[in-house]
C-alpha atoms as a PDB file:
ATOM      1  CA  UNK A   1      26.107 183.270 169.557  1.00  0.00           C
ATOM      2  CA  UNK A   2      28.061 180.211 170.652  1.00  0.00           C
ATOM      3  CA  UNK A   3      31.769 181.012 170.922  1.00  0.00           C
ATOM      4  CA  UNK A   4      32.779 177.404 170.279  1.00  0.00           C
ATOM      5  CA  UNK A   5      31.185 177.626 166.846  1.00  0.00           C
ATOM      6  CA  UNK A   6      33.874 180.170 165.912  1.00  0.00           C
ATOM      7  CA  UNK A   7      36.960 178.445 164.414  1.00  0.00           C
ATOM      8  CA  UNK A   8      39.445 180.329 166.604  1.00  0.00           C
ATOM      9  CA  UNK A   9      37.769 179.380 169.879  1.00  0.00           C
ATOM     10  CA  UNK A  10      37.172 175.817 168.712  1.00  0.00           C
ATOM     11  CA  UNK A  11      40.916 175.517 167.999  1.00  0.00           C
ATOM     12  CA  UNK A  12      41.755 176.924 171.439  1.00  0.00           C
ATOM     13  CA  UNK A  13      39.381 174.443 173.076  1.00  0.00           C
ATOM     14  CA  UNK A  14      40.958 171.566 171.163  1.00  0.00           C
ATOM     15  CA  UNK A  15      44.436 172.673 172.270  1.00  0.00           C
ATOM     16  CA  UNK A  16      43.340 172.974 175.905  1.00  0.00           C
ATOM     17  CA  UNK A  17      41.725 169.534 175.711  1.00  0.00           C
ATOM     18  CA  UNK A  18      45.011 168.113 174.394  1.00  0.00           C
ATOM     19  CA  UNK A  19      46.995 169.764 177.173  1.00  0.00           C
ATOM     20  CA  UNK A  20      44.549 168.447 179.770  1.00  0.00           C
ATOM     21  CA  UNK A  21      44.866 164.926 178.390  1.00  0.00           C
ATOM     22  CA  UNK A  22      48.663 165.242 178.407  1.00  0.00           C
ATOM     23  CA  UNK A  23      48.640 166.415 182.030  1.00  0.00           C
ATOM     24  CA  UNK A  24      46.517 163.402 182.951  1.00  0.00           C
ATOM     25  CA  UNK A  25      48.950 161.008 181.224  1.00  0.00           C
ATOM     26  CA  UNK A  26      51.989 162.625 182.824  1.00  0.00           C
ATOM     27  CA  UNK A  27      50.437 162.361 186.295  1.00  0.00           C
ATOM     28  CA  UNK A  28      49.736 158.671 185.627  1.00  0.00           C
ATOM     29  CA  UNK A  29      53.386 158.274 184.605  1.00  0.00           C
ATOM     30  CA  UNK A  30      54.519 159.791 187.899  1.00  0.00           C
ATOM     31  CA  UNK A  31      52.074 157.714 189.946  1.00  0.00           C
ATOM     32  CA  UNK A  32      53.209 154.482 188.281  1.00  0.00           C
ATOM     33  CA  UNK A  33      56.923 155.264 188.022  1.00  0.00           C
ATOM     34  CA  UNK A  34      57.892 152.525 190.497  1.00  0.00           C
ATOM     35  CA  UNK A  35      55.537 149.904 189.042  1.00  0.00           C
ATOM     36  CA  UNK A  36      57.581 147.077 187.485  1.00  0.00           C
ATOM     37  CA  UNK A  37      57.118 146.896 183.717  1.00  0.00           C
ATOM     38  CA  UNK A  38      55.199 150.180 183.480  1.00  0.00           C
ATOM     39  CA  UNK A  39      55.920 152.084 180.288  1.00  0.00           C
ATOM     40  CA  UNK A  40      55.334 155.843 180.409  1.00  0.00           C
ATOM     41  CA  UNK A  41      52.943 157.284 177.841  1.00  0.00           C
ATOM     42  CA  UNK A  42      52.600 160.684 176.233  1.00  0.00           C
ATOM     43  CA  UNK A  43      50.364 162.428 173.714  1.00  0.00           C
ATOM     44  CA  UNK A  44      51.561 162.586 170.096  1.00  0.00           C
ATOM     45  CA  UNK A  45      51.529 166.355 169.565  1.00  0.00           C
ATOM     46  CA  UNK A  46      52.704 166.014 165.962  1.00  0.00           C
ATOM     47  CA  UNK A  47      49.496 164.162 165.094  1.00  0.00           C
ATOM     48  CA  UNK A  48      47.486 166.874 166.855  1.00  0.00           C
ATOM     49  CA  UNK A  49      49.310 169.619 164.932  1.00  0.00           C
ATOM     50  CA  UNK A  50      48.685 167.835 161.628  1.00  0.00           C
ATOM     51  CA  UNK A  51      44.989 167.506 162.499  1.00  0.00           C
ATOM     52  CA  UNK A  52      44.790 171.203 163.396  1.00  0.00           C
ATOM     53  CA  UNK A  53      46.475 172.228 160.127  1.00  0.00           C
ATOM     54  CA  UNK A  54      44.018 170.053 158.243  1.00  0.00           C
ATOM     55  CA  UNK A  55      41.073 171.605 160.098  1.00  0.00           C
ATOM     56  CA  UNK A  56      42.315 175.132 159.332  1.00  0.00           C
ATOM     57  CA  UNK A  57      42.745 174.250 155.664  1.00  0.00           C
ATOM     58  CA  UNK A  58      39.192 172.877 155.534  1.00  0.00           C
ATOM     59  CA  UNK A  59      37.809 175.964 157.257  1.00  0.00           C
ATOM     60  CA  UNK A  60      39.501 178.231 154.711  1.00  0.00           C
ATOM     61  CA  UNK A  61      39.564 176.502 151.332  1.00  0.00           C
ATOM     62  CA  UNK A  62      42.370 177.700 149.085  1.00  0.00           C
ATOM     63  CA  UNK A  63      44.453 179.142 151.912  1.00  0.00           C
ATOM     64  CA  UNK A  64      47.750 177.866 153.219  1.00  0.00           C
ATOM     65  CA  UNK A  65      48.237 178.121 156.963  1.00  0.00           C
ATOM     66  CA  UNK A  66      46.540 180.789 159.022  1.00  0.00           C
ATOM     67  CA  UNK A  67      45.006 183.713 157.216  1.00  0.00           C
ATOM     68  CA  UNK A  68      46.411 187.123 158.163  1.00  0.00           C
ATOM     69  CA  UNK A  69      44.281 189.345 160.338  1.00  0.00           C
ATOM     70  CA  UNK A  70      43.372 192.674 158.805  1.00  0.00           C
ATOM     71  CA  UNK A  71      42.024 195.675 160.638  1.00  0.00           C
ATOM     72  CA  UNK A  72      39.252 197.836 159.283  1.00  0.00           C
ATOM     73  CA  UNK A  73      38.903 201.570 159.828  1.00  0.00           C
ATOM     74  CA  UNK A  74      35.252 202.189 160.557  1.00  0.00           C
ATOM     75  CA  UNK A  75      35.704 205.946 160.954  1.00  0.00           C
ATOM     76  CA  UNK A  76      38.055 208.390 159.255  1.00  0.00           C
ATOM     77  CA  UNK A  77      39.397 209.530 162.639  1.00  0.00           C
ATOM     78  CA  UNK A  78      40.765 206.096 163.495  1.00  0.00           C
ATOM     79  CA  UNK A  79      44.506 205.466 163.237  1.00  0.00           C
ATOM     80  CA  UNK A  80      45.655 203.433 160.213  1.00  0.00           C
ATOM     81  CA  UNK A  81      46.376 199.726 160.784  1.00  0.00           C
ATOM     82  CA  UNK A  82      50.079 200.052 159.944  1.00  0.00           C
ATOM     83  CA  UNK A  83      50.842 202.309 162.893  1.00  0.00           C
ATOM     84  CA  UNK A  84      52.969 205.352 162.402  1.00  0.00           C
END
């Protein structure tokens, strides 16, 4: 089973890729800070967040936002999900 085929891990990979790209841009900004006319760049995280929300909505048609996680009791001796 490929973990990246699971939506949760694919979303984590996308987020880490974004953060890696942002780190690269920020290091370029620092390296070129004294270059005349250089304009610092950054990643548009709002566009990334919109894309992630769209991907989640496509993965779960009819749902809004992230679906809640529910726990299942596989044996009667297990504690209930609500605690207590």
